[in-house]
Amino acid sequence: MAGVSRGSGWSSDVRKYVGTDLNEGVSHRPLVGNAGTAVREKALEVEMAARKIKIGADAFGVKGGSSTSKNRRKEEQEAWGEEGLEAEFSLEQISNDDYYMIKVFLKSYLVDVSFNVSELAQLIIEQKEKIGSAIVVEGQEDLFGFMTVISCRTHWEKSCIRSILKYVHGKVLNSSRYEEWKRILEDANAKLALIVSERICNLPHKLGPPMNLVTIQEVSNLGETFDYYLILTTRYKDAEELEQTSSMQPIAKRSRHLPSENPNGGASKSSTSDSIYEYYKIEDEIYREHALLEHSIRIKKFNDSKIWTLGRFTKMSKLFMIIESAQMPRILSRLKELGKTV
């Protein structure tokens, strides 16, 4: 099936909003892709897993870490016989041809729960003209990541939205602020939006801020305003470092990319437990700092014997966040600052 060209990229207004500094080093070229079949969808799933394994030598885009971590990365580089993979990434409009790859990304969106992935992928495709960003590689047809925002009130009757809200509701039952979660999640008339952002875990951090800035700015294209945003994301702990420090006095550990203080003067939300987490997507820590509600659950490992997977060296958790719309200007400001430093 012949591919279709992607959109021409961001509008001049949006590019002006993001700023030229953030765009530096990120191309904006149309890309041609091919829609797949059910067989191709499975092949994409296997291919994406292979990519995660192969680029694990520099996992998460983190250069620092303990001597153990550095030795591990060195061993992986020697095993693969290369220092890393070079690619020119581009932020483009989501294409119809991205449908199958979006389904692949969404299969791990909810943990241990099946839901209508096809319906959610189709919904993302249907609103691509209004909102949504795709990460692609120059000369490649496949998707490496995407981001969009979905109105829960508009699509309340869709099974995928109901399944996601039900899933989050079930996971926050033991939260100390459960009643607040319940009020927002169960109200069909609540102006709640779902931010869906998935990408290969160790893509360049530089892609995160501009993709978030553009996508959030495009929310106005949906024709409605929101009071709250719901985010489901994944974070991790370095298992080896965690074991080495478990019997010692806890030491706060923050992302090496973010400033140590909240520039907005807000109270710090970091705790001993949260401070040892790292984030696959660099922007998630900014969202968490400004979250009204947050709750996390441990993600079980399915196969501890895996050697060339990231799960062997990490302990992962699913993080749920509710962001008030009033916090978005502060978040966007932080993202702009972050985009100039990564």
Protein backbone atom coordinates (compact mmCIF):
# COMPACT_ATOMS: atom_id res chain seq x y z
CA MET A 1 0.00 0.00 0.00
CA ALA A 2 1.45 3.31 -1.03
CA GLY A 3 2.52 5.61 1.76
CA VAL A 4 1.27 9.12 2.25
CA SER A 5 3.41 12.13 2.98
CA ARG A 6 3.28 13.60 6.45
CA GLY A 7 2.25 17.15 7.12
CA SER A 8 4.68 19.97 6.55
CA GLY A 9 5.50 20.11 10.24
CA TRP A 10 4.72 22.78 12.81
CA SER A 11 3.00 26.02 11.89
CA SER A 12 5.02 29.23 12.04
CA ASP A 13 3.00 30.36 15.07
CA VAL A 14 3.80 27.20 16.98
CA ARG A 15 7.45 27.31 15.99
CA LYS A 16 7.62 30.90 17.25
CA TYR A 17 6.02 29.78 20.51
CA VAL A 18 8.53 26.97 21.01
CA GLY A 19 11.53 29.14 20.16
CA THR A 20 14.41 28.60 17.79
CA ASP A 21 16.72 27.35 20.53
CA LEU A 22 14.52 24.32 21.12
CA ASN A 23 14.30 23.57 17.42
CA GLU A 24 18.04 23.63 16.95
CA GLY A 25 19.32 20.22 15.91
CA VAL A 26 15.83 18.81 15.26
CA SER A 27 14.77 18.59 11.62
CA HIS A 28 11.25 19.19 10.29
CA ARG A 29 11.04 17.27 7.06
CA PRO A 30 8.03 15.42 5.63
CA LEU A 31 8.41 11.66 5.75
CA VAL A 32 6.82 8.95 3.66
CA GLY A 33 5.67 5.75 5.38
CA ASN A 34 3.69 2.58 4.68
CA ALA A 35 0.60 1.30 6.43
CA GLY A 36 1.08 -2.26 7.56
CA THR A 37 -0.93 -5.41 7.93
CA ALA A 38 -1.58 -7.57 10.99
CA VAL A 39 1.61 -9.46 10.17
CA ARG A 40 3.56 -6.23 9.89
CA GLU A 41 2.16 -5.09 13.24
CA LYS A 42 3.70 -8.14 14.92
CA ALA A 43 6.95 -7.60 13.07
CA LEU A 44 7.05 -3.98 14.28
CA GLU A 45 6.57 -5.17 17.85
CA VAL A 46 9.54 -7.53 17.54
CA GLU A 47 11.61 -4.86 15.78
CA MET A 48 10.91 -2.28 18.48
CA ALA A 49 11.97 -4.76 21.17
CA ALA A 50 15.18 -5.36 19.25
CA ARG A 51 15.86 -1.63 19.07
CA LYS A 52 15.45 -1.32 22.82
CA ILE A 53 17.94 -4.13 23.33
CA LYS A 54 20.53 -2.88 20.89
CA ILE A 55 20.62 0.69 22.11
CA GLY A 56 20.74 -0.45 25.71
CA ALA A 57 24.48 0.27 25.78
CA ASP A 58 23.58 3.88 26.54
CA ALA A 59 20.26 3.25 28.22
CA PHE A 60 17.95 6.18 28.94
CA GLY A 61 20.40 8.70 27.45
CA VAL A 62 22.18 8.91 30.82
CA LYS A 63 25.95 9.35 30.68
CA GLY A 64 26.71 9.34 34.40
CA GLY A 65 25.96 6.81 37.11
CA SER A 66 27.83 4.43 39.36
CA SER A 67 31.00 2.63 38.33
CA THR A 68 28.94 -0.56 38.13
CA SER A 69 26.53 1.07 35.69
CA LYS A 70 29.40 2.45 33.59
CA ASN A 71 31.09 -0.95 33.47
CA ARG A 72 27.80 -2.53 32.44
CA ARG A 73 27.34 -0.06 29.59
CA LYS A 74 30.95 -0.62 28.48
CA GLU A 75 30.38 -4.38 28.39
CA GLU A 76 27.23 -3.88 26.31
CA GLN A 77 29.06 -1.62 23.86
CA GLU A 78 31.82 -4.19 23.44
CA ALA A 79 29.25 -6.96 22.99
CA TRP A 80 27.53 -5.08 20.18
CA GLY A 81 30.78 -3.84 18.69
CA GLU A 82 29.64 -0.22 18.46
CA GLU A 83 29.46 2.94 20.54
CA GLY A 84 25.84 3.66 19.68
CA LEU A 85 23.44 4.44 16.86
CA GLU A 86 23.38 7.72 14.96
CA ALA A 87 20.11 9.05 13.56
CA GLU A 88 18.56 12.37 12.59
CA PHE A 89 15.23 12.66 14.38
CA SER A 90 12.33 14.72 13.15
CA LEU A 91 9.12 15.91 14.84
CA GLU A 92 6.22 15.66 12.42
CA GLN A 93 2.46 15.40 12.29
CA ILE A 94 1.05 11.95 13.03
CA SER A 95 0.27 10.04 9.83
CA ASN A 96 -2.40 7.48 8.96
CA ASP A 97 0.45 5.07 8.36
CA ASP A 98 1.47 5.30 12.02
CA TYR A 99 -1.62 3.36 13.13
CA TYR A 100 0.06 -0.02 13.58
CA MET A 101 3.13 1.35 15.30
CA ILE A 102 0.95 3.37 17.68
CA LYS A 103 -0.82 0.11 18.57
CA VAL A 104 2.55 -1.45 19.36
CA PHE A 105 3.42 1.38 21.74
CA LEU A 106 0.00 1.25 23.42
CA LYS A 107 0.13 -2.46 24.19
CA SER A 108 2.17 -1.67 27.30
CA TYR A 109 0.19 1.45 28.22
CA LEU A 110 -1.79 -0.38 30.91
CA VAL A 111 -0.11 -3.04 33.07
CA ASP A 112 -1.72 -6.50 33.33
CA VAL A 113 -4.97 -5.22 31.80
CA SER A 114 -6.30 -5.69 28.29
CA PHE A 115 -8.24 -2.87 26.67
CA ASN A 116 -9.31 -1.78 23.21
CA VAL A 117 -5.91 -0.71 21.89
CA SER A 118 -7.19 -0.52 18.31
CA GLU A 119 -9.91 1.92 19.29
CA LEU A 120 -7.46 4.21 21.09
CA ALA A 121 -4.99 4.09 18.19
CA GLN A 122 -7.78 4.94 15.76
CA LEU A 123 -8.89 7.83 17.96
CA ILE A 124 -5.35 9.22 17.93
CA ILE A 125 -5.24 8.94 14.14
CA GLU A 126 -8.67 10.57 13.71
CA GLN A 127 -7.66 13.73 15.55
CA LYS A 128 -4.17 14.01 14.04
CA GLU A 129 -5.12 17.05 11.96
CA LYS A 130 -5.91 18.98 15.15
CA ILE A 131 -3.36 17.64 17.60
CA GLY A 132 -0.52 15.19 17.84
CA SER A 133 3.24 14.97 17.23
CA ALA A 134 5.29 12.06 15.88
CA ILE A 135 9.00 11.27 16.28
CA VAL A 136 10.48 9.76 13.15
CA VAL A 137 13.95 9.23 11.71
CA GLU A 138 15.05 10.71 8.42
CA GLY A 139 14.99 7.96 5.81
CA GLN A 140 12.93 5.57 7.93
CA GLU A 141 9.22 4.83 7.67
CA ASP A 142 8.58 3.74 11.26
CA LEU A 143 7.45 5.69 14.29
CA PHE A 144 9.80 6.09 17.27
CA GLY A 145 7.37 7.95 19.51
CA PHE A 146 4.27 10.12 19.60
CA MET A 147 2.27 12.45 21.83
CA THR A 148 -1.35 13.59 21.80
CA VAL A 149 -4.10 14.90 24.10
CA ILE A 150 -7.58 13.32 24.20
CA SER A 151 -10.75 14.79 25.69
CA CYS A 152 -12.24 12.26 28.10
CA ARG A 153 -15.59 14.06 28.18
CA THR A 154 -15.93 14.10 24.38
CA HIS A 155 -15.04 10.40 24.12
CA TRP A 156 -16.55 9.25 27.43
CA GLU A 157 -18.54 6.43 25.80
CA LYS A 158 -15.58 4.89 24.03
CA SER A 159 -14.51 1.67 25.69
CA CYS A 160 -10.80 2.54 25.59
CA ILE A 161 -11.33 5.74 27.59
CA ARG A 162 -13.60 4.04 30.10
CA SER A 163 -11.07 1.22 30.50
CA ILE A 164 -8.20 3.64 31.16
CA LEU A 165 -10.17 5.64 33.73
CA LYS A 166 -11.39 2.44 35.41
CA TYR A 167 -7.83 1.12 35.51
CA VAL A 168 -6.47 4.28 37.18
CA HIS A 169 -9.42 4.35 39.59
CA GLY A 170 -8.65 0.79 40.67
CA LYS A 171 -4.97 1.55 41.22
CA VAL A 172 -5.50 4.63 43.43
CA LEU A 173 -7.96 3.02 45.87
CA ASN A 174 -5.40 3.09 48.67
CA SER A 175 -4.32 6.66 47.99
CA SER A 176 -4.66 9.07 50.93
CA ARG A 177 -6.41 11.41 48.49
CA TYR A 178 -8.66 8.81 46.93
CA GLU A 179 -11.82 10.96 47.16
CA GLU A 180 -10.19 13.62 44.99
CA TRP A 181 -9.14 11.01 42.45
CA LYS A 182 -12.65 9.56 42.45
CA ARG A 183 -14.32 12.94 41.95
CA ILE A 184 -12.24 13.70 38.86
CA LEU A 185 -12.20 10.23 37.29
CA GLU A 186 -15.89 9.33 37.71
CA ASP A 187 -17.47 12.58 36.56
CA ALA A 188 -18.52 12.27 32.91
CA ASN A 189 -18.87 16.05 32.73
CA ALA A 190 -15.45 16.79 34.18
CA LYS A 191 -13.20 18.71 31.82
CA LEU A 192 -10.51 16.05 31.93
CA ALA A 193 -7.96 15.42 29.18
CA LEU A 194 -5.72 12.39 28.77
CA ILE A 195 -2.12 13.10 27.75
CA VAL A 196 -0.76 10.08 25.87
CA SER A 197 2.98 10.19 25.28
CA GLU A 198 4.94 7.08 24.33
CA ARG A 199 8.38 6.71 22.79
CA ILE A 200 11.47 4.49 22.71
CA CYS A 201 12.91 4.86 26.21
CA ASN A 202 16.35 6.23 25.36
CA LEU A 203 15.74 8.66 22.55
CA PRO A 204 17.60 11.99 22.90
CA HIS A 205 16.20 14.05 25.77
CA LYS A 206 16.26 17.07 23.45
CA LEU A 207 13.14 15.77 21.70
CA GLY A 208 11.00 15.86 24.86
CA PRO A 209 10.54 19.60 25.54
CA PRO A 210 9.63 20.74 21.99
CA MET A 211 7.23 17.84 21.46
CA ASN A 212 5.43 18.66 24.71
CA LEU A 213 5.38 22.39 24.01
CA VAL A 214 3.88 21.92 20.55
CA THR A 215 1.31 19.33 21.60
CA ILE A 216 0.04 21.24 24.65
CA GLN A 217 -0.14 24.42 22.57
CA GLU A 218 -2.29 22.55 20.05
CA VAL A 219 -4.90 21.77 22.72
CA SER A 220 -6.75 24.93 21.66
CA ASN A 221 -7.43 23.21 18.33
CA LEU A 222 -9.70 20.72 20.10
CA GLY A 223 -12.30 23.47 20.59
CA GLU A 224 -12.64 23.09 24.34
CA THR A 225 -10.81 23.94 27.55
CA PHE A 226 -9.77 21.50 30.25
CA ASP A 227 -9.61 21.76 34.02
CA TYR A 228 -7.41 18.71 34.53
CA TYR A 229 -4.91 16.56 32.65
CA LEU A 230 -4.34 12.87 33.37
CA ILE A 231 -0.91 11.36 32.71
CA LEU A 232 0.12 7.71 32.88
CA THR A 233 3.85 7.19 32.64
CA THR A 234 6.68 4.89 33.75
CA ARG A 235 9.75 5.60 35.85
CA TYR A 236 12.53 3.41 37.21
CA LYS A 237 15.16 2.83 39.88
CA ASP A 238 18.63 1.47 39.25
CA ALA A 239 18.35 -1.89 40.99
CA GLU A 240 22.06 -2.24 41.71
CA GLU A 241 22.46 1.26 43.14
CA LEU A 242 19.29 0.79 45.17
CA GLU A 243 20.66 -2.39 46.77
CA GLN A 244 24.02 -0.77 47.48
CA THR A 245 22.40 2.15 49.36
CA SER A 246 19.46 0.32 50.98
CA SER A 247 21.25 -0.03 54.32
CA MET A 248 22.73 3.48 54.28
CA GLN A 249 21.26 6.87 55.18
CA PRO A 250 18.96 7.87 52.29
CA ILE A 251 20.45 10.48 49.98
CA ALA A 252 18.21 12.55 47.75
CA LYS A 253 18.89 11.95 44.08
CA ARG A 254 17.42 14.21 41.42
CA SER A 255 17.57 14.15 37.68
CA ARG A 256 20.91 15.51 36.48
CA HIS A 257 19.02 17.60 33.89
CA LEU A 258 16.75 19.56 36.24
CA PRO A 259 17.59 22.42 38.63
CA SER A 260 17.70 21.53 42.31
CA GLU A 261 15.08 24.10 43.32
CA ASN A 262 11.59 24.87 42.11
CA PRO A 263 11.99 28.23 40.33
CA ASN A 264 8.33 29.01 40.94
CA GLY A 265 8.76 28.98 44.71
CA GLY A 266 6.43 26.03 45.18
CA ALA A 267 6.92 23.50 47.93
CA SER A 268 9.17 20.64 46.95
CA LYS A 269 7.31 17.33 46.48
CA SER A 270 10.43 15.17 46.59
CA SER A 271 10.67 12.47 49.22
CA THR A 272 13.27 9.83 49.99
CA SER A 273 11.28 7.28 47.99
CA ASP A 274 10.61 9.53 45.00
CA SER A 275 14.07 11.09 44.86
CA ILE A 276 15.75 7.81 43.85
CA TYR A 277 13.60 7.47 40.74
CA GLU A 278 14.76 8.36 37.25
CA TYR A 279 12.39 9.19 34.41
CA TYR A 280 12.42 7.65 30.95
CA LYS A 281 10.89 10.87 29.63
CA ILE A 282 12.72 13.88 30.99
CA GLU A 283 9.60 16.06 31.05
CA ASP A 284 7.75 13.73 33.42
CA GLU A 285 9.67 15.01 36.43
CA ILE A 286 8.47 18.54 35.66
CA TYR A 287 4.87 17.34 35.40
CA ARG A 288 5.23 15.53 38.72
CA GLU A 289 6.57 18.63 40.50
CA HIS A 290 3.39 20.49 39.53
CA ALA A 291 0.91 17.62 39.96
CA LEU A 292 -2.24 18.07 42.03
CA LEU A 293 -2.46 14.31 42.61
CA GLU A 294 0.03 11.49 42.09
CA HIS A 295 0.15 7.79 42.81
CA SER A 296 2.49 5.00 41.74
CA ILE A 297 2.44 1.21 41.62
CA ARG A 298 5.24 -1.31 41.18
CA ILE A 299 5.50 -3.03 37.81
CA LYS A 300 6.24 -6.72 38.16
CA LYS A 301 9.07 -8.30 36.22
CA PHE A 302 7.98 -11.06 33.90
CA ASN A 303 11.39 -12.66 33.30
CA ASP A 304 14.33 -11.93 35.58
CA SER A 305 16.60 -14.11 33.47
CA LYS A 306 16.61 -11.66 30.54
CA ILE A 307 20.15 -10.49 29.90
CA TRP A 308 19.90 -7.88 27.19
CA THR A 309 16.83 -6.03 28.41
CA LEU A 310 16.57 -2.88 30.50
CA GLY A 311 14.32 -4.65 33.01
CA ARG A 312 17.20 -6.74 34.31
CA PHE A 313 18.91 -3.68 35.80
CA THR A 314 15.92 -1.59 36.86
CA LYS A 315 12.88 -1.62 39.11
CA MET A 316 10.01 0.06 37.32
CA SER A 317 6.80 1.65 38.52
CA LYS A 318 3.73 3.12 36.86
CA LEU A 319 3.06 6.73 37.84
CA PHE A 320 -0.37 8.37 37.63
CA MET A 321 -0.69 12.16 37.79
CA ILE A 322 -3.48 14.73 37.71
CA ILE A 323 -2.34 18.17 36.57
CA GLU A 324 -4.50 21.27 37.02
CA SER A 325 -4.76 23.41 33.90
CA ALA A 326 -3.73 26.43 35.98
CA GLN A 327 -0.29 24.81 36.32
CA MET A 328 0.28 24.46 32.57
CA PRO A 329 1.82 27.94 32.05
CA ARG A 330 4.43 27.14 34.72
CA ILE A 331 5.06 23.73 33.21
CA LEU A 332 5.48 25.15 29.71
CA SER A 333 7.90 27.75 31.06
CA ARG A 334 9.97 25.02 32.71
CA LEU A 335 9.93 22.98 29.50
CA LYS A 336 11.25 25.96 27.54
CA GLU A 337 14.10 26.37 30.02
CA LEU A 338 14.83 22.66 29.98
CA GLY A 339 14.91 22.57 26.19
CA LYS A 340 17.78 25.04 26.17
CA THR A 341 19.96 22.94 28.46
CA VAL A 342 19.57 19.30 27.32
